[in-house]
Amino acid sequence: MTRFLATDKVFFHGTYSNFSRFKPLSHFGSIYAAKEMASNGLKKEENRSGYVAVSRTRTGDPSYIIPVKLNLKNTYELQDVNAIHNIGYYREVLLYHFIKELKRSKVSSAYDYIVCEPFAKGTISSVRKELETDNLYEVAKDSSYSEEFDRKHLFFQRMIHYFESIGFDGFHYTNYYEDTGHVSYVPFRSDSIIRLDKPYEIRARANIDNQMKFDGQRFLSENEEYLLRNEMVNRLESMADKIELFAEHRNVLLRPSDFRQILREKLYYSKLLFSEILPKIERITKQPKYGCHGMGHTAQVGIMGLDFALSVRQDPLPVILAASLHDCASVKDECCEAHGANCEPIARKFLADNYPNLLPVEVEEIINAAKTHTVGRACTDLVSACLWDADRVRLSWELGYSPGSFSTPYGNVVAGLDEHGRAKYIAGQEKFLVQNNIKTRAQIEYDKVMESRQTALDTVFKCKGK
């Protein structure tokens, strides 16, 4: 997945260093992510040779939270892992890219050029000469580690040049470990960063030709095969593994059963839903902002569907995507059964544009769940079960509970709540959103008022761009 980043949003960087220039591949995210990095004492040496990541004890050293704006046009998606983004991590990213994403059986010679040659070929003088063709990294000063630093920097420089040659200017990833669910960005160059707290040194780009052509290929080594089998950044199994698991009536990704881990998963996917998915849906949907089939209802179905997915150990991502898309063809809040089927072309384009890394079987599950949610038949898979249960809870509360209409155990429980239980459930959801900085109490109360006005006056409040 690639992203275009608006330039008016402020991001933050947490550090212990007081420096004048960001190095390539520095990380920027929300204020909460920056504070988490600073308070936990994990530091990237932004302004020193070696690009070393070290753990610091809490000795009382001052920390800095630096506000910036980012000028990024097209960023490449990474997976967040509980590890420092060092050479080992980026080696796996590159291997994953050259084999899995490009759907190749052999690894390109570009991989060897980036990953292997800086350490295996060339004298240190040739390494430094190549480093000096760009201004990403300074040549290390003489020390016992200077050659190691320069070779590492050549690895990073070649990696950046490669991704620039195919149209990217940075990375992005959805946080799992710091401010779960919010997106962080990793620009390649300092001129993509606008520091807001004080004047900032920016180096002009070197005039270099980044158009790379590599025709050679080779089979993977035993070590590389092992890396791919145990890939930290590989979230999904192969299609064959998925089909086999479906045949055994088990879901692909077994969800955690530990309660604390479930809460962490809920936090991650709730933030993903509200900060990334729903804003994109607002730009393409035909539905109004409020009402029976409005975006407010979509958000509620998304958060309920997430609860139901976690309760049956279903991968939440397809469920919250299906929930976000299920009413996207509903026009003027009309009760039209065809809006389910009519959402298919909108949903297919949305998934292709925004989530191209989904496997075909996942795309079909999402489409099927969304387009058939109005027909009332028995569901055939867990994505449909979680979406349909979440969508029908409101009808159950308004018209009466019918156990045969629900497919998940927790869906049955929520749908069958009495008036006191419903109020308690809703209050719990709202508290969760507020405490985790997903929505403010003022936003929640405002949405309630607007929903009431829509119901009372039959007024259609339109979404963005409508």
Protein backbone atom coordinates (compact mmCIF):
# COMPACT_ATOMS: atom_id res chain seq x y z
CA MET A 1 0.00 0.00 0.00
CA THR A 2 1.23 3.49 -0.81
CA ARG A 3 0.15 6.75 0.74
CA PHE A 4 0.03 10.43 -0.18
CA LEU A 5 0.61 12.62 2.87
CA ALA A 6 -1.03 16.03 3.24
CA THR A 7 1.52 18.72 4.12
CA ASP A 8 -0.62 20.50 6.74
CA LYS A 9 -0.48 17.73 9.35
CA VAL A 10 2.01 18.02 12.22
CA PHE A 11 4.10 15.01 13.24
CA PHE A 12 6.54 14.56 16.10
CA HIS A 13 9.93 12.97 16.78
CA GLY A 14 11.02 11.94 20.28
CA THR A 15 14.73 11.91 21.07
CA TYR A 16 17.47 12.51 23.65
CA SER A 17 19.71 14.28 21.12
CA ASN A 18 19.87 18.02 20.49
CA PHE A 19 20.88 18.12 16.83
CA SER A 20 20.78 20.38 13.81
CA ARG A 21 19.89 17.94 11.04
CA PHE A 22 17.84 14.75 10.77
CA LYS A 23 19.57 11.80 9.23
CA PRO A 24 17.83 9.69 6.56
CA LEU A 25 15.23 7.20 7.81
CA SER A 26 14.30 9.11 10.97
CA HIS A 27 10.82 8.29 12.30
CA PHE A 28 7.91 10.73 12.76
CA GLY A 29 4.51 9.95 14.26
CA SER A 30 1.91 11.21 16.69
CA ILE A 31 2.75 13.17 19.85
CA TYR A 32 1.94 10.04 21.88
CA ALA A 33 4.35 7.88 19.86
CA ALA A 34 7.10 10.49 20.25
CA LYS A 35 6.57 10.68 24.01
CA GLU A 36 6.56 6.88 24.23
CA MET A 37 9.92 6.70 22.47
CA ALA A 38 11.41 9.43 24.66
CA SER A 39 10.08 8.07 27.95
CA ASN A 40 11.22 4.51 27.22
CA GLY A 41 14.74 5.68 26.48
CA LEU A 42 15.09 4.32 22.94
CA LYS A 43 17.20 6.67 20.90
CA LYS A 44 18.33 6.89 17.31
CA GLU A 45 21.49 8.93 16.93
CA GLU A 46 20.07 11.25 14.29
CA ASN A 47 23.12 13.42 13.83
CA ARG A 48 26.09 11.12 14.39
CA SER A 49 27.91 8.74 12.11
CA GLY A 50 26.98 5.12 12.47
CA TYR A 51 23.20 5.38 12.65
CA VAL A 52 23.32 3.47 15.92
CA ALA A 53 20.24 2.63 17.97
CA VAL A 54 20.94 2.26 21.66
CA SER A 55 18.95 1.74 24.84
CA ARG A 56 19.31 4.42 27.46
CA THR A 57 18.58 4.12 31.14
CA ARG A 58 16.43 6.79 32.70
CA THR A 59 19.24 8.91 34.09
CA GLY A 60 17.38 12.20 34.02
CA ASP A 61 18.86 13.25 30.68
CA PRO A 62 16.57 15.76 28.92
CA SER A 63 14.34 14.50 26.14
CA TYR A 64 13.07 16.48 23.17
CA ILE A 65 9.76 16.28 21.32
CA ILE A 66 10.32 17.88 17.93
CA PRO A 67 7.30 19.01 15.82
CA VAL A 68 7.62 18.80 12.03
CA LYS A 69 5.64 18.86 8.84
CA LEU A 70 6.45 16.32 6.15
CA ASN A 71 6.44 16.85 2.41
CA LEU A 72 5.92 13.28 1.19
CA LYS A 73 4.12 12.28 -1.99
CA ASN A 74 4.34 8.50 -2.14
CA THR A 75 5.48 6.22 0.70
CA TYR A 76 6.09 2.48 0.79
CA GLU A 77 4.31 0.44 3.47
CA LEU A 78 6.30 -1.42 6.12
CA GLN A 79 5.02 -3.73 8.85
CA ASP A 80 5.68 -2.63 12.43
CA VAL A 81 7.71 -5.16 14.38
CA ASN A 82 9.04 -5.10 17.90
CA ALA A 83 12.57 -4.41 16.73
CA ILE A 84 14.86 -1.54 15.80
CA HIS A 85 14.77 -0.63 12.12
CA ASN A 86 18.37 -1.59 11.45
CA ILE A 87 20.15 -3.37 8.60
CA GLY A 88 18.70 -6.74 9.60
CA TYR A 89 15.17 -5.38 9.47
CA TYR A 90 15.62 -3.63 6.13
CA ARG A 91 17.30 -6.73 4.67
CA GLU A 92 14.07 -8.63 5.38
CA VAL A 93 11.98 -5.77 3.97
CA LEU A 94 13.99 -5.89 0.74
CA LEU A 95 13.87 -9.68 0.46
CA TYR A 96 10.11 -9.60 1.04
CA HIS A 97 9.77 -6.89 -1.60
CA PHE A 98 11.85 -8.58 -4.29
CA ILE A 99 10.24 -12.02 -3.85
CA LYS A 100 6.75 -11.69 -2.40
CA GLU A 101 5.51 -8.29 -3.58
CA LEU A 102 7.01 -8.56 -7.05
CA LYS A 103 5.79 -12.19 -7.23
CA ARG A 104 9.15 -13.62 -8.28
CA SER A 105 10.67 -17.04 -7.73
CA LYS A 106 14.23 -15.71 -7.97
CA VAL A 107 15.81 -12.74 -6.28
CA SER A 108 16.88 -9.79 -8.43
CA SER A 109 20.50 -8.77 -8.71
CA ALA A 110 19.30 -5.45 -7.26
CA TYR A 111 19.04 -7.23 -3.90
CA ASP A 112 22.70 -8.27 -4.02
CA TYR A 113 23.70 -4.77 -5.14
CA ILE A 114 21.95 -3.18 -2.14
CA VAL A 115 22.34 -5.80 0.60
CA CYS A 116 25.50 -7.77 -0.10
CA GLU A 117 27.98 -5.74 -2.15
CA PRO A 118 28.52 -2.86 0.33
CA PHE A 119 29.98 -5.40 2.76
CA ALA A 120 31.54 -7.94 0.39
CA LYS A 121 32.93 -5.93 -2.51
CA GLY A 122 34.98 -2.82 -3.03
CA THR A 123 37.74 -1.13 -1.10
CA ILE A 124 36.85 1.35 1.60
CA SER A 125 38.05 4.15 -0.70
CA SER A 126 35.55 3.08 -3.40
CA VAL A 127 32.80 2.86 -0.77
CA ARG A 128 33.55 6.40 0.42
CA LYS A 129 33.78 7.70 -3.13
CA GLU A 130 30.26 6.39 -3.84
CA LEU A 131 28.93 7.83 -0.57
CA GLU A 132 30.22 11.24 -1.63
CA THR A 133 28.17 11.17 -4.86
CA ASP A 134 25.11 11.98 -2.73
CA ASN A 135 24.74 14.00 0.46
CA LEU A 136 22.62 11.53 2.42
CA TYR A 137 25.49 10.47 4.69
CA GLU A 138 28.81 11.99 5.66
CA VAL A 139 31.92 9.88 5.38
CA ALA A 140 32.81 8.70 8.89
CA LYS A 141 35.80 10.21 10.63
CA ASP A 142 38.78 8.01 11.33
CA SER A 143 38.09 5.52 14.10
CA SER A 144 38.17 1.81 14.66
CA TYR A 145 34.53 1.65 13.48
CA SER A 146 34.63 4.12 10.59
CA GLU A 147 34.83 1.51 7.82
CA GLU A 148 31.88 -0.41 9.31
CA PHE A 149 29.85 2.80 9.51
CA ASP A 150 30.61 3.79 5.92
CA ARG A 151 29.67 0.36 4.57
CA LYS A 152 26.39 0.45 6.52
CA HIS A 153 25.67 3.91 5.17
CA LEU A 154 26.29 2.68 1.63
CA PHE A 155 23.71 -0.07 2.25
CA PHE A 156 21.16 2.55 3.33
CA GLN A 157 22.07 4.92 0.50
CA ARG A 158 21.66 2.24 -2.15
CA MET A 159 18.36 1.14 -0.60
CA ILE A 160 17.06 4.72 -0.68
CA HIS A 161 18.21 5.15 -4.28
CA TYR A 162 16.40 1.95 -5.25
CA PHE A 163 13.07 2.97 -3.71
CA GLU A 164 13.42 6.47 -5.18
CA SER A 165 13.97 4.90 -8.60
CA ILE A 166 10.55 3.21 -8.38
CA GLY A 167 8.75 6.34 -7.23
CA PHE A 168 8.86 6.38 -3.42
CA ASP A 169 10.13 9.15 -1.14
CA GLY A 170 9.76 7.43 2.23
CA PHE A 171 8.22 4.60 4.25
CA HIS A 172 5.13 4.46 6.45
CA TYR A 173 3.83 1.91 8.93
CA THR A 174 0.86 1.55 11.24
CA ASN A 175 2.10 1.52 14.82
CA TYR A 176 1.54 -1.56 16.93
CA TYR A 177 3.96 -0.72 19.73
CA GLU A 178 3.91 3.09 20.14
CA ASP A 179 0.49 4.82 20.02
CA THR A 180 -1.12 1.72 18.60
CA GLY A 181 -3.01 2.18 15.34
CA HIS A 182 -1.62 5.56 14.28
CA VAL A 183 0.61 5.87 11.23
CA SER A 184 4.28 6.89 11.42
CA TYR A 185 6.45 8.07 8.52
CA VAL A 186 10.12 7.57 7.63
CA PRO A 187 11.33 10.13 5.04
CA PHE A 188 14.35 9.31 2.95
CA ARG A 189 15.75 12.86 2.81
CA SER A 190 16.01 15.88 5.08
CA ASP A 191 14.42 18.21 2.52
CA SER A 192 11.14 16.32 3.06
CA ILE A 193 11.15 17.51 6.71
CA ILE A 194 10.04 20.98 7.83
CA ARG A 195 11.06 21.51 11.44
CA LEU A 196 8.65 23.80 13.32
CA ASP A 197 10.43 24.56 16.59
CA LYS A 198 13.60 26.21 15.29
CA PRO A 199 15.59 26.83 12.09
CA TYR A 200 16.75 23.61 10.55
CA GLU A 201 19.64 22.65 8.31
CA ILE A 202 18.47 21.19 4.99
CA ARG A 203 20.87 19.89 2.40
CA ALA A 204 20.04 20.42 -1.24
CA ARG A 205 19.61 17.22 -3.19
CA ALA A 206 22.56 15.99 -5.16
CA ASN A 207 22.08 15.82 -8.90
CA ILE A 208 22.20 12.05 -9.34
CA ASP A 209 20.59 9.56 -11.69
CA ASN A 210 18.63 7.04 -9.63
CA GLN A 211 17.23 5.07 -12.56
CA MET A 212 18.47 1.56 -11.81
CA LYS A 213 18.35 -1.37 -14.21
CA PHE A 214 19.18 -4.87 -13.01
CA ASP A 215 18.64 -7.82 -15.32
CA GLY A 216 20.30 -10.61 -13.35
CA GLN A 217 18.48 -13.09 -11.10
CA ARG A 218 19.50 -15.99 -8.87
CA PHE A 219 17.90 -18.61 -6.69
CA LEU A 220 17.58 -17.85 -3.00
CA SER A 221 20.24 -19.14 -0.65
CA GLU A 222 19.33 -21.46 2.22
CA ASN A 223 19.60 -18.56 4.66
CA GLU A 224 17.30 -16.40 2.52
CA GLU A 225 14.75 -19.19 2.26
CA TYR A 226 14.81 -19.38 6.05
CA LEU A 227 14.32 -15.62 6.31
CA LEU A 228 11.25 -15.75 4.09
CA ARG A 229 9.76 -18.67 6.00
CA ASN A 230 10.26 -16.84 9.29
CA GLU A 231 9.67 -13.33 7.96
CA MET A 232 8.93 -10.83 10.75
CA VAL A 233 7.23 -8.46 8.32
CA ASN A 234 5.20 -11.17 6.57
CA ARG A 235 1.73 -10.82 8.15
CA LEU A 236 -0.01 -13.33 5.90
CA GLU A 237 0.53 -16.97 5.10
CA SER A 238 0.54 -18.25 1.54
CA MET A 239 -2.71 -18.76 -0.34
CA ALA A 240 -2.32 -22.55 -0.11
CA ASP A 241 -2.00 -22.38 3.67
CA LYS A 242 -5.07 -20.17 3.88
CA ILE A 243 -7.22 -22.47 1.76
CA GLU A 244 -6.14 -25.48 3.84
CA LEU A 245 -7.09 -23.68 7.04
CA PHE A 246 -10.45 -22.64 5.60
CA ALA A 247 -11.10 -26.25 4.69
CA GLU A 248 -10.53 -27.16 8.34
CA HIS A 249 -13.05 -24.48 9.42
CA ARG A 250 -10.35 -22.49 11.14
CA ASN A 251 -9.42 -18.92 10.45
CA VAL A 252 -6.13 -17.99 8.89
CA LEU A 253 -4.60 -15.91 11.64
CA LEU A 254 -5.34 -17.38 15.05
CA ARG A 255 -6.22 -14.47 17.28
CA PRO A 256 -4.93 -14.13 20.85
CA SER A 257 -6.96 -15.61 23.68
CA ASP A 258 -5.20 -13.67 26.45
CA PHE A 259 -7.47 -10.84 27.63
CA ARG A 260 -4.73 -8.20 27.74
CA GLN A 261 -3.63 -9.09 24.24
CA ILE A 262 -7.22 -8.87 23.01
CA LEU A 263 -7.46 -5.34 24.45
CA ARG A 264 -4.23 -4.43 22.65
CA GLU A 265 -5.63 -5.82 19.40
CA LYS A 266 -8.84 -3.83 19.92
CA LEU A 267 -6.86 -0.65 20.47
CA TYR A 268 -4.73 -1.24 17.38
CA TYR A 269 -7.63 -1.90 15.02
CA SER A 270 -9.87 0.80 16.55
CA LYS A 271 -7.24 3.43 15.81
CA LEU A 272 -6.73 1.99 12.35
CA LEU A 273 -10.49 2.19 11.75
CA PHE A 274 -10.95 5.78 12.91
CA SER A 275 -7.67 7.36 11.84
CA GLU A 276 -7.07 5.67 8.48
CA ILE A 277 -9.98 3.67 7.06
CA LEU A 278 -13.06 5.83 7.79
CA PRO A 279 -11.48 9.09 6.55
CA LYS A 280 -10.75 7.35 3.24
CA ILE A 281 -14.31 5.98 3.09
CA GLU A 282 -15.75 9.48 3.55
CA ARG A 283 -14.03 10.57 0.34
CA ILE A 284 -15.59 7.85 -1.84
CA THR A 285 -18.93 6.97 -0.22
CA LYS A 286 -22.39 7.94 -1.44
CA GLN A 287 -23.91 7.69 2.03
CA PRO A 288 -24.75 10.70 4.24
CA LYS A 289 -22.77 11.60 7.33
CA TYR A 290 -25.62 10.84 9.76
CA GLY A 291 -28.75 8.70 9.70
CA CYS A 292 -29.85 5.09 9.40
CA HIS A 293 -27.14 4.30 6.84
CA GLY A 294 -24.80 7.19 7.62
CA MET A 295 -21.13 7.27 8.48
CA GLY A 296 -21.99 7.35 12.18
CA HIS A 297 -23.72 4.00 11.78
CA THR A 298 -20.75 2.71 9.76
CA ALA A 299 -18.36 3.63 12.57
CA GLN A 300 -20.58 1.87 15.13
CA VAL A 301 -20.78 -1.26 12.96
CA GLY A 302 -17.00 -1.15 12.59
CA ILE A 303 -16.32 -1.03 16.33
CA MET A 304 -18.93 -3.72 17.07
CA GLY A 305 -17.65 -5.89 14.24
CA LEU A 306 -14.17 -5.59 15.73
CA ASP A 307 -15.49 -6.84 19.09
CA PHE A 308 -17.20 -9.80 17.43
CA ALA A 309 -14.11 -10.63 15.34
CA LEU A 310 -11.88 -10.74 18.41
CA SER A 311 -14.42 -12.89 20.23
CA VAL A 312 -14.20 -15.61 17.56
CA ARG A 313 -10.46 -15.17 16.86
CA GLN A 314 -11.09 -13.80 13.38
CA ASP A 315 -8.51 -11.51 11.74
CA PRO A 316 -10.11 -8.08 12.35
CA LEU A 317 -8.80 -6.27 9.26
CA PRO A 318 -11.21 -7.84 6.71
CA VAL A 319 -14.10 -7.31 9.15
CA ILE A 320 -13.50 -3.60 9.73
CA LEU A 321 -12.93 -3.06 5.99
CA ALA A 322 -16.22 -4.84 5.19
CA ALA A 323 -17.99 -2.82 7.90
CA SER A 324 -16.58 0.42 6.51
CA LEU A 325 -17.76 -0.40 2.98
CA HIS A 326 -21.12 -2.08 3.58
CA ASP A 327 -23.30 1.06 3.21
CA CYS A 328 -21.09 3.02 0.81
CA ALA A 329 -23.72 2.82 -1.98
CA SER A 330 -26.62 4.01 0.20
CA VAL A 331 -27.95 7.26 -1.29
CA LYS A 332 -29.85 9.89 0.77
CA ASP A 333 -30.30 7.45 3.65
CA GLU A 334 -33.01 5.55 1.77
CA CYS A 335 -33.99 2.02 2.85
CA CYS A 336 -33.08 0.31 -0.41
CA GLU A 337 -32.11 -3.36 -0.40
CA ALA A 338 -30.05 -2.88 -3.57
CA HIS A 339 -27.47 -0.71 -1.83
CA GLY A 340 -25.71 -3.87 -0.67
CA ALA A 341 -25.14 -5.22 -4.16
CA ASN A 342 -24.46 -1.73 -5.51
CA CYS A 343 -21.47 -1.31 -3.21
CA GLU A 344 -19.41 -3.97 -5.01
CA PRO A 345 -17.73 -1.81 -7.71
CA ILE A 346 -17.02 0.96 -5.18
CA ALA A 347 -15.60 -1.53 -2.70
CA ARG A 348 -13.43 -3.31 -5.28
CA LYS A 349 -11.85 -0.06 -6.44
CA PHE A 350 -11.34 1.12 -2.86
CA LEU A 351 -9.55 -2.09 -1.85
CA ALA A 352 -7.43 -2.14 -5.02
CA ASP A 353 -6.38 1.48 -4.52
CA ASN A 354 -5.74 1.37 -0.78
CA TYR A 355 -5.10 -2.25 0.25
CA PRO A 356 -3.42 -3.97 -2.72
CA ASN A 357 -1.56 -6.39 -0.42
CA LEU A 358 -4.74 -8.20 0.61
CA LEU A 359 -4.88 -11.71 -0.76
CA PRO A 360 -7.60 -12.46 -3.35
CA VAL A 361 -9.48 -14.69 -0.91
CA GLU A 362 -9.60 -11.83 1.61
CA VAL A 363 -10.87 -9.38 -1.00
CA GLU A 364 -13.67 -11.76 -1.98
CA GLU A 365 -14.64 -12.28 1.67
CA ILE A 366 -14.89 -8.53 2.20
CA ILE A 367 -16.87 -7.96 -1.00
CA ASN A 368 -19.23 -10.86 -0.32
CA ALA A 369 -19.90 -9.75 3.25
CA ALA A 370 -20.64 -6.16 2.21
CA LYS A 371 -22.75 -6.81 -0.88
CA THR A 372 -24.93 -9.52 0.72
CA HIS A 373 -25.54 -7.90 4.11
CA THR A 374 -29.06 -6.83 3.05
CA VAL A 375 -30.39 -10.21 1.90
CA GLY A 376 -30.78 -11.82 5.33
CA ARG A 377 -29.58 -15.31 4.45
CA ALA A 378 -27.30 -17.47 6.61
CA CYS A 379 -23.66 -16.40 6.50
CA THR A 380 -20.98 -18.67 5.09
CA ASP A 381 -17.81 -17.30 6.71
CA LEU A 382 -16.64 -15.40 9.78
CA VAL A 383 -16.16 -12.06 8.01
CA SER A 384 -19.83 -12.06 6.98
CA ALA A 385 -20.87 -13.33 10.41
CA CYS A 386 -19.10 -10.50 12.24
CA LEU A 387 -20.28 -7.78 9.85
CA TRP A 388 -23.90 -8.94 9.68
CA ASP A 389 -24.16 -9.36 13.44
CA ALA A 390 -22.77 -5.86 14.01
CA ASP A 391 -25.13 -4.37 11.42
CA ARG A 392 -28.20 -6.13 12.87
CA VAL A 393 -27.64 -5.21 16.53
CA ARG A 394 -29.40 -1.87 16.10
CA LEU A 395 -32.40 -3.52 14.45
CA SER A 396 -32.53 -6.00 17.29
CA TRP A 397 -32.52 -3.20 19.86
CA GLU A 398 -35.24 -1.29 18.02
CA LEU A 399 -37.51 -4.08 16.72
CA GLY A 400 -36.85 -6.98 19.08
CA TYR A 401 -34.26 -9.69 19.50
CA SER A 402 -34.36 -12.71 17.18
CA PRO A 403 -31.63 -15.26 18.09
CA GLY A 404 -31.75 -16.93 14.68
CA SER A 405 -30.52 -13.73 13.02
CA PHE A 406 -27.09 -13.81 14.68
CA SER A 407 -24.12 -16.06 14.00
CA THR A 408 -21.50 -15.22 16.64
CA PRO A 409 -21.92 -15.93 20.36
CA TYR A 410 -20.99 -12.40 21.38
CA GLY A 411 -23.26 -10.95 18.69
CA ASN A 412 -26.15 -12.83 20.26
CA VAL A 413 -25.22 -11.49 23.70
CA VAL A 414 -25.05 -7.84 22.58
CA ALA A 415 -28.19 -8.06 20.45
CA GLY A 416 -30.13 -9.53 23.38
CA LEU A 417 -29.20 -6.83 25.91
CA ASP A 418 -32.01 -5.06 27.76
CA GLU A 419 -32.20 -1.27 27.88
CA HIS A 420 -29.85 -1.00 30.85
CA GLY A 421 -27.37 -3.41 29.25
CA ARG A 422 -27.40 -1.47 25.97
CA ALA A 423 -26.66 1.80 27.74
CA LYS A 424 -23.82 0.16 29.65
CA TYR A 425 -22.36 -1.37 26.47
CA ILE A 426 -22.49 1.96 24.59
CA ALA A 427 -20.99 3.82 27.56
CA GLY A 428 -18.17 1.29 27.67
CA GLN A 429 -17.42 1.76 23.97
CA GLU A 430 -17.43 5.54 24.34
CA LYS A 431 -15.13 5.39 27.36
CA PHE A 432 -12.72 3.18 25.43
CA LEU A 433 -12.60 5.67 22.52
CA VAL A 434 -12.08 8.69 24.78
CA GLN A 435 -9.48 7.14 27.09
CA ASN A 436 -7.38 6.02 24.14
CA ASN A 437 -7.50 9.39 22.32
CA ILE A 438 -9.47 7.99 19.40
CA LYS A 439 -12.39 10.42 19.81
CA THR A 440 -13.05 13.23 22.25
CA ARG A 441 -16.11 13.37 24.48
CA ALA A 442 -17.14 16.56 22.65
CA GLN A 443 -17.01 14.76 19.29
CA ILE A 444 -19.14 11.92 20.61
CA GLU A 445 -21.78 14.27 22.07
CA TYR A 446 -21.85 16.36 18.87
CA ASP A 447 -22.41 13.24 16.76
CA LYS A 448 -25.30 12.22 19.02
CA VAL A 449 -26.97 15.62 18.53
CA MET A 450 -26.54 15.45 14.76
CA GLU A 451 -27.90 11.89 14.62
CA SER A 452 -30.97 13.05 16.58
CA ARG A 453 -31.52 15.96 14.18
CA GLN A 454 -31.23 13.64 11.19
CA THR A 455 -33.83 11.30 12.68
CA ALA A 456 -36.23 14.07 13.70
CA LEU A 457 -35.97 16.33 10.64
CA ASP A 458 -35.02 13.82 7.93
CA THR A 459 -32.12 16.10 7.02
CA VAL A 460 -29.27 14.59 5.05
CA PHE A 461 -25.85 15.77 6.27
CA LYS A 462 -23.46 14.99 3.45
CA CYS A 463 -19.95 13.57 3.62
CA LYS A 464 -16.83 15.29 2.32
CA GLY A 465 -16.81 16.17 -1.34
CA LYS A 466 -20.51 15.46 -1.79
